[in-house]
Protein backbone atom coordinates (compact mmCIF):
# COMPACT_ATOMS: atom_id res chain seq x y z
CA MET A 1 99.54 -55.32 -11.81
CA SER A 2 101.47 -55.03 -15.10
CA ASP A 3 104.78 -54.25 -13.47
CA TYR A 4 106.28 -54.19 -9.96
CA ASN A 5 108.58 -52.38 -7.59
CA VAL A 6 111.20 -54.91 -6.64
CA ALA A 7 113.90 -54.92 -3.86
CA VAL A 8 116.88 -57.19 -4.01
CA VAL A 9 118.42 -57.44 -0.56
CA GLY A 10 122.09 -58.39 -0.70
CA ALA A 11 124.82 -57.37 -3.15
CA GLY A 12 126.90 -60.51 -2.97
CA ALA A 13 127.15 -63.31 -5.48
CA VAL A 14 123.50 -64.32 -5.32
CA GLY A 15 122.13 -60.78 -5.13
CA VAL A 16 124.16 -59.78 -8.23
CA GLU A 17 122.79 -62.79 -10.06
CA MET A 18 119.23 -61.96 -8.98
CA VAL A 19 119.66 -58.47 -10.64
CA ARG A 20 121.06 -60.15 -13.72
CA VAL A 21 118.29 -62.65 -14.00
CA LEU A 22 115.51 -60.10 -13.52
CA ARG A 23 116.88 -58.20 -16.53
CA GLN A 24 117.68 -61.22 -18.66
CA ARG A 25 114.28 -62.81 -18.22
CA GLY A 26 112.44 -59.56 -18.81
CA PHE A 27 110.73 -59.41 -15.49
CA PRO A 28 108.28 -56.51 -15.38
CA VAL A 29 110.14 -54.22 -13.01
CA ARG A 30 108.96 -50.62 -12.64
CA GLU A 31 111.54 -49.79 -10.01
CA LEU A 32 114.49 -51.90 -8.78
CA ARG A 33 116.12 -51.21 -5.38
CA VAL A 34 119.31 -52.98 -4.47
CA LEU A 35 119.73 -52.95 -0.64
CA ALA A 36 122.72 -53.96 1.43
CA ARG A 37 124.53 -53.06 4.65
CA SER A 38 125.79 -49.69 3.35
CA ASN A 39 125.36 -47.18 0.56
CA ARG A 40 127.61 -47.60 -2.44
CA GLU A 41 127.57 -48.26 -6.17
CA ILE A 42 128.07 -51.63 -7.92
CA GLU A 43 128.37 -52.47 -11.62
CA ILE A 44 126.62 -55.49 -13.05
CA ASP A 45 127.18 -56.30 -16.74
CA GLY A 46 128.07 -52.65 -17.46
CA VAL A 47 125.14 -51.19 -15.62
CA THR A 48 125.71 -49.12 -12.50
CA HIS A 49 123.29 -49.69 -9.58
CA CYS A 50 123.07 -47.45 -6.59
CA VAL A 51 123.01 -49.68 -3.45
CA ARG A 52 121.04 -48.32 -0.52
CA GLU A 53 121.29 -49.16 3.09
CA THR A 54 118.71 -51.71 4.21
CA THR A 55 116.27 -49.97 6.49
CA PRO A 56 112.56 -50.57 7.20
CA GLU A 57 111.63 -47.46 5.17
CA ALA A 58 113.67 -48.83 2.20
CA PHE A 59 110.71 -51.22 1.61
CA ASP A 60 108.06 -48.50 1.32
CA GLY A 61 106.18 -49.09 -2.00
CA ILE A 62 107.87 -52.46 -2.67
CA GLN A 63 105.66 -55.30 -3.96
CA ILE A 64 108.33 -58.04 -4.13
CA ALA A 65 111.40 -58.31 -1.85
CA LEU A 66 114.03 -60.86 -2.90
CA PHE A 67 116.38 -61.61 -0.06
CA ALA A 68 119.68 -63.11 -1.33
CA GLY A 69 120.17 -65.17 1.82
CA THR A 70 123.26 -66.24 3.68
CA GLU A 71 125.40 -65.86 0.58
CA GLY A 72 124.43 -62.15 0.56
CA GLU A 73 123.24 -60.24 3.61
CA LYS A 74 123.34 -62.87 6.32
CA GLY A 75 120.50 -62.49 8.80
CA ALA A 76 118.80 -59.66 6.78
CA ALA A 77 115.54 -61.58 6.35
CA VAL A 78 115.27 -62.12 10.10
CA THR A 79 115.69 -58.44 10.68
CA PHE A 80 113.74 -56.98 7.78
CA ALA A 81 111.27 -59.56 6.34
CA GLY A 82 108.62 -58.52 8.82
CA GLU A 83 109.12 -54.83 8.04
CA ALA A 84 108.82 -55.65 4.28
CA THR A 85 105.60 -57.59 4.56
CA LYS A 86 104.10 -54.98 6.93
CA ARG A 87 104.52 -52.52 4.12
CA GLY A 88 102.81 -54.76 1.63
CA ALA A 89 105.65 -56.70 0.07
CA VAL A 90 105.84 -60.40 -0.64
CA VAL A 91 109.16 -61.69 0.64
CA ILE A 92 111.01 -64.44 -1.21
CA ASP A 93 113.93 -65.52 0.94
CA ASN A 94 116.90 -67.49 -0.33
CA GLY A 95 118.30 -68.10 3.10
CA ASN A 96 117.70 -70.79 5.69
CA ASP A 97 115.82 -68.80 8.31
CA PHE A 98 112.22 -69.61 7.26
CA ARG A 99 112.56 -72.78 5.19
CA MET A 100 111.27 -75.13 7.79
CA ALA A 101 108.69 -72.79 9.28
CA PRO A 102 105.35 -74.62 9.18
CA ARG A 103 103.41 -71.68 7.77
CA VAL A 104 106.01 -70.72 5.17
CA PRO A 105 105.88 -72.59 1.78
CA LEU A 106 109.16 -73.93 0.64
CA VAL A 107 108.94 -73.80 -3.14
CA VAL A 108 110.69 -75.10 -6.26
CA PRO A 109 108.43 -73.97 -9.13
CA GLU A 110 108.97 -77.05 -11.25
CA VAL A 111 108.17 -79.34 -8.33
CA ASN A 112 105.59 -77.80 -5.98
CA GLY A 113 104.68 -74.44 -7.53
CA ALA A 114 101.10 -74.66 -6.25
CA ASP A 115 102.40 -74.26 -2.70
CA VAL A 116 103.00 -70.62 -3.39
CA ALA A 117 99.28 -70.07 -2.87
CA GLN A 118 99.69 -70.85 0.83
CA HIS A 119 101.98 -67.96 1.60
CA GLU A 120 101.24 -65.46 4.34
CA GLY A 121 103.72 -62.86 3.14
CA ILE A 122 106.91 -65.02 3.05
CA ILE A 123 108.03 -67.68 0.56
CA ALA A 124 111.22 -69.60 1.13
CA ASN A 125 113.63 -70.81 -1.49
CA PRO A 126 115.34 -74.15 -0.67
CA ASN A 127 119.08 -74.80 -0.41
CA CYS A 128 120.72 -74.88 -3.91
CA SER A 129 121.84 -78.49 -3.48
CA THR A 130 118.24 -79.50 -2.65
CA ILE A 131 116.73 -77.64 -5.50
CA GLN A 132 118.51 -79.54 -8.31
CA MET A 133 117.96 -82.85 -6.59
CA VAL A 134 114.18 -82.52 -6.06
CA VAL A 135 113.78 -81.28 -9.66
CA ALA A 136 115.35 -84.55 -10.70
CA LEU A 137 113.45 -86.67 -8.07
CA LYS A 138 109.95 -85.34 -8.69
CA PRO A 139 109.23 -87.22 -11.99
CA LEU A 140 110.60 -90.47 -10.51
CA HIS A 141 108.52 -90.09 -7.37
CA ASP A 142 105.39 -89.40 -9.32
CA ALA A 143 105.91 -92.42 -11.57
CA ALA A 144 107.27 -95.06 -9.18
CA ARG A 145 107.41 -93.68 -5.57
CA LEU A 146 110.78 -93.11 -3.99
CA ARG A 147 111.72 -95.27 -1.07
CA ARG A 148 115.38 -94.29 -0.63
CA VAL A 149 117.75 -91.60 -1.86
CA ILE A 150 121.51 -91.57 -1.38
CA VAL A 151 123.18 -88.43 -2.59
CA SER A 152 126.86 -87.28 -2.66
CA THR A 153 127.29 -83.62 -3.62
CA TYR A 154 130.39 -82.01 -5.19
CA GLN A 155 129.67 -78.35 -4.52
CA ALA A 156 131.35 -75.28 -6.09
CA VAL A 157 132.94 -72.60 -3.99
CA SER A 158 130.51 -69.96 -5.17
CA GLY A 159 127.95 -71.49 -2.86
CA ALA A 160 130.03 -70.00 -0.05
CA GLY A 161 129.96 -66.52 -1.60
CA GLY A 162 132.13 -64.19 -3.56
CA GLY A 163 134.96 -64.32 -1.01
CA ALA A 164 135.27 -67.99 -1.46
CA ILE A 165 135.69 -67.58 -5.26
CA ARG A 166 138.50 -65.15 -4.62
CA GLU A 167 140.10 -67.49 -2.12
CA LEU A 168 140.13 -70.40 -4.58
CA ALA A 169 141.80 -68.16 -7.14
CA ALA A 170 144.38 -66.95 -4.67
CA GLU A 171 145.12 -70.40 -3.27
CA THR A 172 145.48 -71.83 -6.80
CA GLU A 173 147.94 -69.10 -7.85
CA ALA A 174 149.93 -69.64 -4.60
CA ARG A 175 150.07 -73.36 -5.10
CA ILE A 176 151.27 -72.94 -8.74
CA GLN A 177 153.91 -70.44 -7.68
CA LYS A 178 154.81 -72.57 -4.65
CA ALA A 179 154.11 -69.53 -2.38
CA PRO A 180 152.70 -69.69 1.11
CA ARG A 181 148.95 -70.32 1.27
CA PRO A 182 147.04 -67.05 1.75
CA GLY A 183 144.79 -66.74 4.78
CA SER A 184 141.30 -68.18 4.43
CA GLN A 185 137.99 -66.77 5.71
CA SER A 186 135.72 -69.34 4.04
CA PHE A 187 137.21 -72.77 4.54
CA ALA A 188 138.92 -74.57 7.46
CA LYS A 189 141.27 -76.44 5.13
CA PRO A 190 142.88 -75.59 1.80
CA ILE A 191 140.37 -75.72 -1.05
CA ALA A 192 142.69 -75.55 -4.11
CA PHE A 193 143.42 -79.02 -5.46
CA ASN A 194 141.47 -80.49 -2.56
CA ALA A 195 138.01 -81.85 -1.54
CA LEU A 196 136.41 -80.91 1.79
CA ALA A 197 133.76 -83.18 3.15
CA HIS A 198 132.50 -80.38 5.36
CA ILE A 199 129.80 -77.82 4.38
CA GLY A 200 128.02 -76.08 7.33
CA GLY A 201 128.40 -76.96 10.91
CA PHE A 202 128.65 -80.54 12.31
CA ARG A 203 125.67 -81.94 14.17
CA PRO A 204 125.98 -84.36 17.22
CA ASP A 205 125.11 -87.30 14.88
CA GLY A 206 128.01 -86.52 12.54
CA PHE A 207 126.06 -85.03 9.74
CA THR A 208 126.64 -81.44 8.69
CA SER A 209 123.90 -78.87 8.54
CA GLU A 210 124.12 -78.82 4.74
CA GLU A 211 123.50 -82.55 4.66
CA TRP A 212 120.56 -82.36 7.00
CA LYS A 213 118.94 -79.55 5.00
CA MET A 214 118.77 -81.93 2.01
CA VAL A 215 116.85 -84.37 4.20
CA GLN A 216 114.31 -82.00 5.70
CA GLU A 217 113.81 -79.89 2.68
CA THR A 218 113.23 -82.86 0.43
CA HIS A 219 110.52 -84.11 2.71
CA LYS A 220 108.77 -80.78 2.93
CA ILE A 221 108.96 -80.06 -0.87
CA LEU A 222 107.77 -83.51 -1.90
CA HIS A 223 105.25 -83.68 0.93
CA ASP A 224 106.53 -87.11 1.95
CA ASP A 225 108.45 -87.76 5.19
CA SER A 226 108.76 -91.49 4.40
CA ILE A 227 111.56 -91.08 1.79
CA ALA A 228 114.86 -92.23 3.35
CA VAL A 229 117.36 -89.57 2.42
CA ASN A 230 121.10 -89.80 3.12
CA ALA A 231 123.39 -87.04 2.02
CA THR A 232 127.20 -86.42 2.01
CA CYS A 233 128.10 -82.94 1.01
CA VAL A 234 131.66 -82.13 -0.30
CA ARG A 235 133.12 -78.84 -1.40
CA ILE A 236 135.47 -79.09 -4.41
CA PRO A 237 137.64 -76.58 -6.20
CA VAL A 238 135.21 -75.58 -8.93
CA TYR A 239 134.16 -71.97 -9.26
CA ASN A 240 130.48 -72.48 -10.06
CA GLY A 241 128.07 -75.31 -10.64
CA HIS A 242 127.11 -78.01 -8.14
CA SER A 243 127.34 -81.71 -9.10
CA GLU A 244 125.50 -84.58 -7.46
CA SER A 245 125.75 -88.32 -7.68
CA ILE A 246 122.26 -89.63 -6.82
CA TYR A 247 121.12 -93.19 -6.17
CA VAL A 248 117.42 -93.96 -5.68
CA GLU A 249 115.40 -97.05 -4.84
CA THR A 250 111.71 -97.03 -5.98
CA GLU A 251 108.68 -99.10 -5.18
CA ARG A 252 108.17 -99.88 -8.86
CA LYS A 253 111.20 -100.60 -11.08
CA LEU A 254 112.21 -97.88 -13.48
CA THR A 255 114.53 -98.69 -16.41
CA ALA A 256 117.15 -96.20 -17.33
CA GLU A 257 115.23 -95.51 -20.52
CA GLU A 258 111.99 -94.93 -18.68
CA ALA A 259 113.77 -92.52 -16.37
CA ARG A 260 115.17 -90.60 -19.32
CA GLU A 261 111.71 -90.38 -20.88
CA LEU A 262 110.27 -89.03 -17.62
CA TRP A 263 112.96 -86.41 -17.36
CA ASN A 264 112.64 -85.40 -21.02
CA SER A 265 108.95 -84.69 -20.34
CA ALA A 266 109.55 -82.78 -17.14
CA PRO A 267 109.99 -78.99 -16.75
CA GLY A 268 113.41 -77.59 -15.82
CA ILE A 269 115.44 -80.63 -16.87
CA GLN A 270 117.79 -81.34 -19.82
CA VAL A 271 119.06 -84.88 -20.31
CA VAL A 272 122.68 -85.08 -21.47
CA ASP A 273 123.22 -88.79 -21.67
CA ALA A 274 124.59 -90.63 -24.66
CA PRO A 275 125.93 -93.80 -23.18
CA ASP A 276 126.91 -95.47 -26.41
CA PRO A 277 130.56 -94.50 -27.34
CA SER A 278 129.82 -95.33 -30.97
CA ASP A 279 127.32 -92.47 -31.04
CA GLY A 280 129.64 -90.23 -33.16
CA ASP A 281 130.98 -87.09 -31.53
CA ASN A 282 128.23 -87.08 -28.94
CA HIS A 283 130.07 -89.55 -26.75
CA ARG A 284 132.40 -86.64 -25.82
CA ARG A 285 129.46 -85.03 -24.10
CA SER A 286 127.66 -88.16 -22.86
CA TYR A 287 127.41 -86.58 -19.42
CA PRO A 288 127.17 -83.04 -18.15
CA THR A 289 129.79 -81.02 -16.28
CA PRO A 290 129.59 -77.91 -14.12
CA GLN A 291 130.94 -75.83 -17.07
CA ASP A 292 127.97 -77.03 -19.12
CA ALA A 293 125.51 -75.79 -16.46
CA ASP A 294 127.20 -72.37 -16.03
CA GLY A 295 124.53 -69.76 -16.83
CA ALA A 296 121.76 -72.22 -17.47
CA ASP A 297 118.28 -72.20 -15.89
CA VAL A 298 117.87 -75.99 -16.13
CA THR A 299 119.15 -79.03 -14.22
CA LEU A 300 121.31 -81.32 -16.39
CA ILE A 301 121.12 -85.12 -15.91
CA GLY A 302 123.39 -87.82 -17.24
CA ARG A 303 125.15 -91.16 -16.40
CA VAL A 304 121.74 -92.87 -15.94
CA ARG A 305 122.14 -96.54 -15.12
CA GLU A 306 120.31 -99.35 -13.44
CA ASP A 307 121.69 -101.04 -10.28
CA PRO A 308 122.85 -104.54 -11.38
CA PHE A 309 122.27 -105.90 -7.83
CA VAL A 310 119.10 -104.16 -6.56
CA PRO A 311 116.11 -104.61 -8.84
CA ASN A 312 114.64 -101.16 -8.21
CA GLY A 313 117.90 -99.23 -7.91
CA LEU A 314 118.86 -96.42 -10.29
CA SER A 315 121.91 -94.10 -10.31
CA PHE A 316 122.41 -90.82 -12.17
CA TRP A 317 124.57 -87.70 -12.27
CA CYS A 318 122.95 -84.26 -11.77
CA ILE A 319 124.42 -80.75 -12.38
CA SER A 320 123.06 -77.26 -11.88
CA ASP A 321 124.28 -73.67 -11.74
CA ASN A 322 123.96 -73.15 -7.98
CA LEU A 323 124.04 -69.32 -8.12
CA ARG A 324 121.53 -69.02 -10.94
CA ASN A 325 119.29 -72.08 -11.03
CA GLY A 326 119.84 -72.83 -7.35
CA GLY A 327 119.37 -69.26 -6.11
CA ALA A 328 118.52 -66.36 -8.36
CA THR A 329 116.21 -67.85 -10.98
């Protein structure tokens, strides 16, 4: 087909970004339907969209149904994915409900795009923190085989939805004005001027669900359960853009320069790493920040360095726009 009828299910932060990305990337859309819990109008970049209530009949004639996931209409894919596929649509789900289902491919196009061919009507999009990590890990794994990955994330509040963004703004204003902290619906503790080592629910083993997603999803995407992955996920008071400090051990030693060369040749990655302070003005941007990634469709990598104590150890800093690159794109 030359163009498609597309449904975006969810009018929250990720759903809005999906609509934006479809337009910005020139996706061949014949008809776009934005679906949510109730009928209303929303404005995205000056364009008004009529939001329709999500019903089985709303998927009639749809070829591609993009479900925004838990950041948008929580549980919508469980309720309506079957109805959409029954009517001929391919479902691409940004939520957690189908990611580990054996017959559902979990796909990051730059990493395992060929897995799309295995779909039976539903394709899952990984967790945003997993996406940027596996994009960075794939070239290293292909070249030197990963043995161990230790990752600490510094995740923006936008990953918890639009309400969390508003809460950070309100808490920040209250803190500056020395006013009482406003009520929170998104976080158990204050997020402004703070860091919360708690994303998702706690498991009996002490890990959170967000941390365990990074373990399971990495194994599935890279088709290798032998990689030892250990994650600590932290929410920080940044509006948008997830940061990750990643340490890897490989079977074959990779120098920092070799790693940079691998990343420079890989899709979806931009290396921002000028470690020499004498390198003119570039030393001011020798590593990426969340603001650098805002609005970008690539994963930014910097601070690449070899472990001075472990021969095959390598550390690096990884940044991505979690709403856009980690969800909508």
